Amino acid sequence: TLLRVIMRELEPAGGHIAVLPGLRIGYLPQQV
């Protein structure tokens, strides 16, 4: 869930995540 919030796939219930502009984040989902 945390990774999906960082990837902007989910919205957090509260708080904020700031990502350096232009940063590329790779993520391999558990279920494909």
Full PDB file with SEQRES, HELIX, SHEET, SSBOND, CRYST1, ORIGX, SCALE, CONECT and MASTER records, all heavy atoms in Angstrom:
SEQRES   1 A   32  THR LEU LEU ARG VAL ILE MET ARG GLU LEU GLU PRO ALA          
SEQRES   2 A   32  GLY GLY HIS ILE ALA VAL LEU PRO GLY LEU ARG ILE GLY          
SEQRES   3 A   32  TYR LEU PRO GLN GLN VAL                                      
HELIX    1 AA1 LEU A    2  ILE A    6  1                                   5    
CRYST1    1.000    1.000    1.000  90.00  90.00  90.00 P 1           1          
ORIGX1      1.000000  0.000000  0.000000        0.00000                         
ORIGX2      0.000000  1.000000  0.000000        0.00000                         
ORIGX3      0.000000  0.000000  1.000000        0.00000                         
SCALE1      1.000000  0.000000  0.000000        0.00000                         
SCALE2      0.000000  1.000000  0.000000        0.00000                         
SCALE3      0.000000  0.000000  1.000000        0.00000                         
ATOM      1  N   THR A   1       0.834  -1.201   0.000  1.00  0.00           N  
ATOM      2  CA  THR A   1       0.000   0.000   0.000  1.00  0.00           C  
ATOM      3  C   THR A   1       0.868   1.250   0.000  1.00  0.00           C  
ATOM      4  O   THR A   1       0.599   2.196  -0.742  1.00  0.00           O  
ATOM      5  CB  THR A   1      -0.953   0.000   1.213  1.00  0.00           C  
ATOM      6  OG1 THR A   1      -1.787  -1.170   1.136  1.00  0.00           O  
ATOM      7  CG2 THR A   1      -1.820   1.228   1.244  1.00  0.00           C  
ATOM      8  N   LEU A   2       1.930   1.273   0.787  1.00  0.00           N  
ATOM      9  CA  LEU A   2       2.840   2.413   0.807  1.00  0.00           C  
ATOM     10  C   LEU A   2       3.461   2.632  -0.570  1.00  0.00           C  
ATOM     11  O   LEU A   2       3.505   3.755  -1.070  1.00  0.00           O  
ATOM     12  CB  LEU A   2       3.930   2.220   1.859  1.00  0.00           C  
ATOM     13  CG  LEU A   2       5.021   3.297   1.899  1.00  0.00           C  
ATOM     14  CD1 LEU A   2       4.425   4.671   2.176  1.00  0.00           C  
ATOM     15  CD2 LEU A   2       6.073   2.941   2.938  1.00  0.00           C  
ATOM     16  N   LEU A   3       3.927   1.562  -1.204  1.00  0.00           N  
ATOM     17  CA  LEU A   3       4.520   1.691  -2.532  1.00  0.00           C  
ATOM     18  C   LEU A   3       3.497   2.208  -3.545  1.00  0.00           C  
ATOM     19  O   LEU A   3       3.811   3.046  -4.381  1.00  0.00           O  
ATOM     20  CB  LEU A   3       5.090   0.352  -2.999  1.00  0.00           C  
ATOM     21  CG  LEU A   3       6.316  -0.131  -2.245  1.00  0.00           C  
ATOM     22  CD1 LEU A   3       6.700  -1.530  -2.699  1.00  0.00           C  
ATOM     23  CD2 LEU A   3       7.480   0.820  -2.433  1.00  0.00           C  
ATOM     24  N   ARG A   4       2.263   1.742  -3.432  1.00  0.00           N  
ATOM     25  CA  ARG A   4       1.221   2.200  -4.362  1.00  0.00           C  
ATOM     26  C   ARG A   4       0.871   3.673  -4.126  1.00  0.00           C  
ATOM     27  O   ARG A   4       0.542   4.385  -5.064  1.00  0.00           O  
ATOM     28  CB  ARG A   4      -0.007   1.309  -4.242  1.00  0.00           C  
ATOM     29  CG  ARG A   4       0.292  -0.109  -4.791  1.00  0.00           C  
ATOM     30  CD  ARG A   4      -0.895  -1.002  -4.787  1.00  0.00           C  
ATOM     31  NE  ARG A   4      -1.877  -0.479  -5.743  1.00  0.00           N  
ATOM     32  CZ  ARG A   4      -3.161  -0.754  -5.688  1.00  0.00           C  
ATOM     33  NH1 ARG A   4      -3.634  -1.534  -4.725  1.00  0.00           N  
ATOM     34  NH2 ARG A   4      -3.990  -0.258  -6.575  1.00  0.00           N  
ATOM     35  N   VAL A   5       0.977   4.133  -2.892  1.00  0.00           N  
ATOM     36  CA  VAL A   5       0.759   5.561  -2.612  1.00  0.00           C  
ATOM     37  C   VAL A   5       1.910   6.374  -3.210  1.00  0.00           C  
ATOM     38  O   VAL A   5       1.687   7.406  -3.838  1.00  0.00           O  
ATOM     39  CB  VAL A   5       0.614   5.823  -1.092  1.00  0.00           C  
ATOM     40  CG1 VAL A   5       0.647   7.305  -0.787  1.00  0.00           C  
ATOM     41  CG2 VAL A   5      -0.678   5.204  -0.571  1.00  0.00           C  
ATOM     42  N   ILE A   6       3.139   5.908  -3.047  1.00  0.00           N  
ATOM     43  CA  ILE A   6       4.293   6.597  -3.616  1.00  0.00           C  
ATOM     44  C   ILE A   6       4.180   6.659  -5.135  1.00  0.00           C  
ATOM     45  O   ILE A   6       4.513   7.680  -5.747  1.00  0.00           O  
ATOM     46  CB  ILE A   6       5.609   5.918  -3.181  1.00  0.00           C  
ATOM     47  CG1 ILE A   6       5.845   6.133  -1.680  1.00  0.00           C  
ATOM     48  CG2 ILE A   6       6.800   6.432  -4.004  1.00  0.00           C  
ATOM     49  CD1 ILE A   6       6.966   5.301  -1.100  1.00  0.00           C  
ATOM     50  N   MET A   7       3.670   5.599  -5.766  1.00  0.00           N  
ATOM     51  CA  MET A   7       3.517   5.551  -7.225  1.00  0.00           C  
ATOM     52  C   MET A   7       2.284   6.318  -7.705  1.00  0.00           C  
ATOM     53  O   MET A   7       2.020   6.377  -8.893  1.00  0.00           O  
ATOM     54  CB  MET A   7       3.422   4.099  -7.698  1.00  0.00           C  
ATOM     55  CG  MET A   7       4.670   3.283  -7.441  1.00  0.00           C  
ATOM     56  SD  MET A   7       6.111   3.851  -8.354  1.00  0.00           S  
ATOM     57  CE  MET A   7       5.567   3.606 -10.016  1.00  0.00           C  
ATOM     58  N   ARG A   8       1.525   6.881  -6.782  1.00  0.00           N  
ATOM     59  CA  ARG A   8       0.300   7.649  -7.090  1.00  0.00           C  
ATOM     60  C   ARG A   8      -0.830   6.766  -7.615  1.00  0.00           C  
ATOM     61  O   ARG A   8      -1.729   7.227  -8.291  1.00  0.00           O  
ATOM     62  CB  ARG A   8       0.567   8.779  -8.082  1.00  0.00           C  
ATOM     63  CG  ARG A   8       1.690   9.716  -7.697  1.00  0.00           C  
ATOM     64  CD  ARG A   8       1.226  10.721  -6.668  1.00  0.00           C  
ATOM     65  NE  ARG A   8       2.173  11.826  -6.552  1.00  0.00           N  
ATOM     66  CZ  ARG A   8       2.844  12.081  -5.442  1.00  0.00           C  
ATOM     67  NH1 ARG A   8       2.670  11.349  -4.379  1.00  0.00           N  
ATOM     68  NH2 ARG A   8       3.670  13.102  -5.387  1.00  0.00           N  
ATOM     69  N   GLU A   9      -0.779   5.471  -7.303  1.00  0.00           N  
ATOM     70  CA  GLU A   9      -1.862   4.564  -7.655  1.00  0.00           C  
ATOM     71  C   GLU A   9      -2.982   4.640  -6.630  1.00  0.00           C  
ATOM     72  O   GLU A   9      -4.117   4.292  -6.940  1.00  0.00           O  
ATOM     73  CB  GLU A   9      -1.357   3.122  -7.755  1.00  0.00           C  
ATOM     74  CG  GLU A   9      -0.423   2.876  -8.905  1.00  0.00           C  
ATOM     75  CD  GLU A   9       0.085   1.447  -8.963  1.00  0.00           C  
ATOM     76  OE1 GLU A   9      -0.381   0.596  -8.171  1.00  0.00           O  
ATOM     77  OE2 GLU A   9       0.950   1.169  -9.803  1.00  0.00           O  
ATOM     78  N   LEU A  10      -2.651   5.036  -5.406  1.00  0.00           N  
ATOM     79  CA  LEU A  10      -3.613   5.191  -4.320  1.00  0.00           C  
ATOM     80  C   LEU A  10      -3.428   6.560  -3.679  1.00  0.00           C  
ATOM     81  O   LEU A  10      -2.317   7.094  -3.664  1.00  0.00           O  
ATOM     82  CB  LEU A  10      -3.408   4.122  -3.233  1.00  0.00           C  
ATOM     83  CG  LEU A  10      -3.663   2.673  -3.584  1.00  0.00           C  
ATOM     84  CD1 LEU A  10      -3.279   1.778  -2.408  1.00  0.00           C  
ATOM     85  CD2 LEU A  10      -5.115   2.451  -3.965  1.00  0.00           C  
ATOM     86  N   GLU A  11      -4.507   7.087  -3.137  1.00  0.00           N  
ATOM     87  CA  GLU A  11      -4.446   8.349  -2.392  1.00  0.00           C  
ATOM     88  C   GLU A  11      -4.338   8.043  -0.904  1.00  0.00           C  
ATOM     89  O   GLU A  11      -5.079   7.198  -0.393  1.00  0.00           O  
ATOM     90  CB  GLU A  11      -5.714   9.178  -2.637  1.00  0.00           C  
ATOM     91  CG  GLU A  11      -5.766   9.826  -3.997  1.00  0.00           C  
ATOM     92  CD  GLU A  11      -4.722  10.924  -4.145  1.00  0.00           C  
ATOM     93  OE1 GLU A  11      -4.476  11.669  -3.174  1.00  0.00           O  
ATOM     94  OE2 GLU A  11      -4.163  11.027  -5.249  1.00  0.00           O  
ATOM     95  N   PRO A  12      -3.449   8.718  -0.190  1.00  0.00           N  
ATOM     96  CA  PRO A  12      -3.368   8.498   1.260  1.00  0.00           C  
ATOM     97  C   PRO A  12      -4.583   9.111   1.960  1.00  0.00           C  
ATOM     98  O   PRO A  12      -5.230  10.011   1.425  1.00  0.00           O  
ATOM     99  CB  PRO A  12      -2.081   9.221   1.655  1.00  0.00           C  
ATOM    100  CG  PRO A  12      -1.909  10.277   0.609  1.00  0.00           C  
ATOM    101  CD  PRO A  12      -2.479   9.712  -0.652  1.00  0.00           C  
ATOM    102  N   ALA A  13      -4.884   8.611   3.140  1.00  0.00           N  
ATOM    103  CA  ALA A  13      -5.972   9.178   3.949  1.00  0.00           C  
ATOM    104  C   ALA A  13      -5.564  10.541   4.488  1.00  0.00           C  
ATOM    105  O   ALA A  13      -6.410  11.385   4.757  1.00  0.00           O  
ATOM    106  CB  ALA A  13      -6.328   8.232   5.084  1.00  0.00           C  
ATOM    107  N   GLY A  14      -4.270  10.776   4.635  1.00  0.00           N  
ATOM    108  CA  GLY A  14      -3.759  12.055   5.116  1.00  0.00           C  
ATOM    109  C   GLY A  14      -2.266  12.137   4.903  1.00  0.00           C  
ATOM    110  O   GLY A  14      -1.610  11.145   4.623  1.00  0.00           O  
ATOM    111  N   GLY A  15      -1.735  13.325   5.002  1.00  0.00           N  
ATOM    112  CA  GLY A  15      -0.303  13.535   4.842  1.00  0.00           C  
ATOM    113  C   GLY A  15       0.071  13.884   3.417  1.00  0.00           C  
ATOM    114  O   GLY A  15      -0.794  14.140   2.572  1.00  0.00           O  
ATOM    115  N   HIS A  16       1.372  13.888   3.161  1.00  0.00           N  
ATOM    116  CA  HIS A  16       1.878  14.355   1.866  1.00  0.00           C  
ATOM    117  C   HIS A  16       3.143  13.599   1.486  1.00  0.00           C  
ATOM    118  O   HIS A  16       3.979  13.299   2.332  1.00  0.00           O  
ATOM    119  CB  HIS A  16       2.174  15.855   1.964  1.00  0.00           C  
ATOM    120  CG  HIS A  16       2.705  16.441   0.708  1.00  0.00           C  
ATOM    121  ND1 HIS A  16       1.932  16.643  -0.404  1.00  0.00           N  
ATOM    122  CD2 HIS A  16       3.953  16.867   0.388  1.00  0.00           C  
ATOM    123  CE1 HIS A  16       2.685  17.168  -1.361  1.00  0.00           C  
ATOM    124  NE2 HIS A  16       3.908  17.314  -0.903  1.00  0.00           N  
ATOM    125  N   ILE A  17       3.279  13.328   0.182  1.00  0.00           N  
ATOM    126  CA  ILE A  17       4.497  12.732  -0.357  1.00  0.00           C  
ATOM    127  C   ILE A  17       5.047  13.679  -1.412  1.00  0.00           C  
ATOM    128  O   ILE A  17       4.328  14.072  -2.336  1.00  0.00           O  
ATOM    129  CB  ILE A  17       4.235  11.351  -0.974  1.00  0.00           C  
ATOM    130  CG1 ILE A  17       3.796  10.377   0.114  1.00  0.00           C  
ATOM    131  CG2 ILE A  17       5.491  10.832  -1.679  1.00  0.00           C  
ATOM    132  CD1 ILE A  17       3.498   8.993  -0.382  1.00  0.00           C  
ATOM    133  N   ALA A  18       6.307  14.066  -1.281  1.00  0.00           N  
ATOM    134  CA  ALA A  18       6.968  14.935  -2.252  1.00  0.00           C  
ATOM    135  C   ALA A  18       8.068  14.135  -2.940  1.00  0.00           C  
ATOM    136  O   ALA A  18       8.897  13.502  -2.280  1.00  0.00           O  
ATOM    137  CB  ALA A  18       7.565  16.157  -1.562  1.00  0.00           C  
ATOM    138  N   VAL A  19       8.050  14.153  -4.272  1.00  0.00           N  
ATOM    139  CA  VAL A  19       9.035  13.439  -5.076  1.00  0.00           C  
ATOM    140  C   VAL A  19       9.807  14.464  -5.898  1.00  0.00           C  
ATOM    141  O   VAL A  19       9.218  15.386  -6.461  1.00  0.00           O  
ATOM    142  CB  VAL A  19       8.345  12.419  -6.007  1.00  0.00           C  
ATOM    143  CG1 VAL A  19       9.349  11.705  -6.877  1.00  0.00           C  
ATOM    144  CG2 VAL A  19       7.539  11.399  -5.192  1.00  0.00           C  
ATOM    145  N   LEU A  20      11.120  14.318  -5.954  1.00  0.00           N  
ATOM    146  CA  LEU A  20      11.963  15.210  -6.743  1.00  0.00           C  
ATOM    147  C   LEU A  20      11.454  15.249  -8.183  1.00  0.00           C  
ATOM    148  O   LEU A  20      11.262  14.189  -8.799  1.00  0.00           O  
ATOM    149  CB  LEU A  20      13.413  14.727  -6.708  1.00  0.00           C  
ATOM    150  CG  LEU A  20      14.435  15.560  -7.471  1.00  0.00           C  
ATOM    151  CD1 LEU A  20      14.658  16.899  -6.752  1.00  0.00           C  
ATOM    152  CD2 LEU A  20      15.744  14.802  -7.587  1.00  0.00           C  
ATOM    153  N   PRO A  21      11.193  16.426  -8.727  1.00  0.00           N  
ATOM    154  CA  PRO A  21      10.713  16.514 -10.113  1.00  0.00           C  
ATOM    155  C   PRO A  21      11.666  15.803 -11.070  1.00  0.00           C  
ATOM    156  O   PRO A  21      12.879  15.927 -10.973  1.00  0.00           O  
ATOM    157  CB  PRO A  21      10.681  18.021 -10.391  1.00  0.00           C  
ATOM    158  CG  PRO A  21      10.533  18.648  -9.041  1.00  0.00           C  
ATOM    159  CD  PRO A  21      11.303  17.757  -8.105  1.00  0.00           C  
ATOM    160  N   GLY A  22      11.094  15.016 -11.971  1.00  0.00           N  
ATOM    161  CA  GLY A  22      11.879  14.280 -12.951  1.00  0.00           C  
ATOM    162  C   GLY A  22      12.379  12.928 -12.464  1.00  0.00           C  
ATOM    163  O   GLY A  22      12.937  12.158 -13.241  1.00  0.00           O  
ATOM    164  N   LEU A  23      12.185  12.614 -11.182  1.00  0.00           N  
ATOM    165  CA  LEU A  23      12.631  11.335 -10.645  1.00  0.00           C  
ATOM    166  C   LEU A  23      11.799  10.206 -11.246  1.00  0.00           C  
ATOM    167  O   LEU A  23      10.578  10.285 -11.297  1.00  0.00           O  
ATOM    168  CB  LEU A  23      12.492  11.310  -9.119  1.00  0.00           C  
ATOM    169  CG  LEU A  23      12.960  10.024  -8.436  1.00  0.00           C  
ATOM    170  CD1 LEU A  23      14.476   9.902  -8.527  1.00  0.00           C  
ATOM    171  CD2 LEU A  23      12.520  10.012  -6.978  1.00  0.00           C  
ATOM    172  N   ARG A  24      12.475   9.174 -11.722  1.00  0.00           N  
ATOM    173  CA  ARG A  24      11.791   7.995 -12.246  1.00  0.00           C  
ATOM    174  C   ARG A  24      11.813   6.915 -11.188  1.00  0.00           C  
ATOM    175  O   ARG A  24      12.869   6.584 -10.653  1.00  0.00           O  
ATOM    176  CB  ARG A  24      12.467   7.504 -13.509  1.00  0.00           C  
ATOM    177  CG  ARG A  24      12.277   8.455 -14.668  1.00  0.00           C  
ATOM    178  CD  ARG A  24      12.988   8.017 -15.929  1.00  0.00           C  
ATOM    179  NE  ARG A  24      13.017   6.577 -16.095  1.00  0.00           N  
ATOM    180  CZ  ARG A  24      13.848   5.945 -16.919  1.00  0.00           C  
ATOM    181  NH1 ARG A  24      14.700   6.625 -17.630  1.00  0.00           N  
ATOM    182  NH2 ARG A  24      13.817   4.643 -17.036  1.00  0.00           N  
ATOM    183  N   ILE A  25      10.654   6.355 -10.894  1.00  0.00           N  
ATOM    184  CA  ILE A  25      10.536   5.302  -9.889  1.00  0.00           C  
ATOM    185  C   ILE A  25      10.083   4.030 -10.585  1.00  0.00           C  
ATOM    186  O   ILE A  25       9.075   4.019 -11.283  1.00  0.00           O  
ATOM    187  CB  ILE A  25       9.528   5.685  -8.788  1.00  0.00           C  
ATOM    188  CG1 ILE A  25       9.970   6.968  -8.084  1.00  0.00           C  
ATOM    189  CG2 ILE A  25       9.366   4.545  -7.795  1.00  0.00           C  
ATOM    190  CD1 ILE A  25       8.955   7.507  -7.097  1.00  0.00           C  
ATOM    191  N   GLY A  26      10.844   2.958 -10.417  1.00  0.00           N  
ATOM    192  CA  GLY A  26      10.470   1.659 -10.967  1.00  0.00           C  
ATOM    193  C   GLY A  26       9.782   0.828  -9.902  1.00  0.00           C  
ATOM    194  O   GLY A  26      10.156   0.869  -8.737  1.00  0.00           O  
ATOM    195  N   TYR A  27       8.794   0.088 -10.320  1.00  0.00           N  
ATOM    196  CA  TYR A  27       8.010  -0.713  -9.373  1.00  0.00           C  
ATOM    197  C   TYR A  27       7.504  -1.940 -10.107  1.00  0.00           C  
ATOM    198  O   TYR A  27       6.929  -1.825 -11.201  1.00  0.00           O  
ATOM    199  CB  TYR A  27       6.855   0.141  -8.851  1.00  0.00           C  
ATOM    200  CG  TYR A  27       5.759  -0.600  -8.127  1.00  0.00           C  
ATOM    201  CD1 TYR A  27       5.984  -1.180  -6.884  1.00  0.00           C  
ATOM    202  CD2 TYR A  27       4.495  -0.702  -8.674  1.00  0.00           C  
ATOM    203  CE1 TYR A  27       4.974  -1.844  -6.219  1.00  0.00           C  
ATOM    204  CE2 TYR A  27       3.473  -1.360  -8.015  1.00  0.00           C  
ATOM    205  CZ  TYR A  27       3.721  -1.940  -6.785  1.00  0.00           C  
ATOM    206  OH  TYR A  27       2.721  -2.602  -6.123  1.00  0.00           O  
ATOM    207  N   LEU A  28       7.702  -3.117  -9.555  1.00  0.00           N  
ATOM    208  CA  LEU A  28       7.210  -4.353 -10.136  1.00  0.00           C  
ATOM    209  C   LEU A  28       6.067  -4.849  -9.262  1.00  0.00           C  
ATOM    210  O   LEU A  28       6.272  -5.240  -8.119  1.00  0.00           O  
ATOM    211  CB  LEU A  28       8.325  -5.401 -10.196  1.00  0.00           C  
ATOM    212  CG  LEU A  28       7.954  -6.746 -10.777  1.00  0.00           C  
ATOM    213  CD1 LEU A  28       7.525  -6.607 -12.234  1.00  0.00           C  
ATOM    214  CD2 LEU A  28       9.126  -7.706 -10.660  1.00  0.00           C  
ATOM    215  N   PRO A  29       4.837  -4.791  -9.771  1.00  0.00           N  
ATOM    216  CA  PRO A  29       3.690  -5.214  -8.959  1.00  0.00           C  
ATOM    217  C   PRO A  29       3.760  -6.697  -8.599  1.00  0.00           C  
ATOM    218  O   PRO A  29       4.379  -7.486  -9.323  1.00  0.00           O  
ATOM    219  CB  PRO A  29       2.475  -4.928  -9.841  1.00  0.00           C  
ATOM    220  CG  PRO A  29       2.970  -4.457 -11.143  1.00  0.00           C  
ATOM    221  CD  PRO A  29       4.452  -4.346 -11.093  1.00  0.00           C  
ATOM    222  N   GLN A  30       3.118  -7.058  -7.514  1.00  0.00           N  
ATOM    223  CA  GLN A  30       3.101  -8.448  -7.070  1.00  0.00           C  
ATOM    224  C   GLN A  30       2.296  -9.335  -8.009  1.00  0.00           C  
ATOM    225  O   GLN A  30       2.627 -10.489  -8.218  1.00  0.00           O  
ATOM    226  CB  GLN A  30       2.488  -8.552  -5.679  1.00  0.00           C  
ATOM    227  CG  GLN A  30       3.318  -7.936  -4.597  1.00  0.00           C  
ATOM    228  CD  GLN A  30       2.667  -8.138  -3.248  1.00  0.00           C  
ATOM    229  OE1 GLN A  30       2.257  -9.234  -2.907  1.00  0.00           O  
ATOM    230  NE2 GLN A  30       2.551  -7.074  -2.484  1.00  0.00           N  
ATOM    231  N   GLN A  31       1.211  -8.799  -8.517  1.00  0.00           N  
ATOM    232  CA  GLN A  31       0.331  -9.582  -9.378  1.00  0.00           C  
ATOM    233  C   GLN A  31       0.348  -8.978 -10.772  1.00  0.00           C  
ATOM    234  O   GLN A  31       0.090  -7.789 -10.945  1.00  0.00           O  
ATOM    235  CB  GLN A  31      -1.084  -9.580  -8.818  1.00  0.00           C  
ATOM    236  CG  GLN A  31      -1.130 -10.221  -7.449  1.00  0.00           C  
ATOM    237  CD  GLN A  31      -2.476 -10.066  -6.783  1.00  0.00           C  
ATOM    238  OE1 GLN A  31      -3.333  -9.349  -7.256  1.00  0.00           O  
ATOM    239  NE2 GLN A  31      -2.642 -10.748  -5.677  1.00  0.00           N  
ATOM    240  N   VAL A  32       0.662  -9.817 -11.754  1.00  0.00           N  
ATOM    241  CA  VAL A  32       0.807  -9.340 -13.117  1.00  0.00           C  
ATOM    242  C   VAL A  32      -0.183 -10.077 -14.018  1.00  0.00           C  
ATOM    243  O   VAL A  32      -0.300 -11.293 -13.951  1.00  0.00           O  
ATOM    244  CB  VAL A  32       2.254  -9.583 -13.635  1.00  0.00           C  
ATOM    245  CG1 VAL A  32       2.402  -9.118 -15.059  1.00  0.00           C  
ATOM    246  CG2 VAL A  32       3.256  -8.910 -12.721  1.00  0.00           C  
TER     247      VAL A  32                                                      
MASTER        0    0    0    1    0    0    0    6  246    1    0    3          
END                                                                             
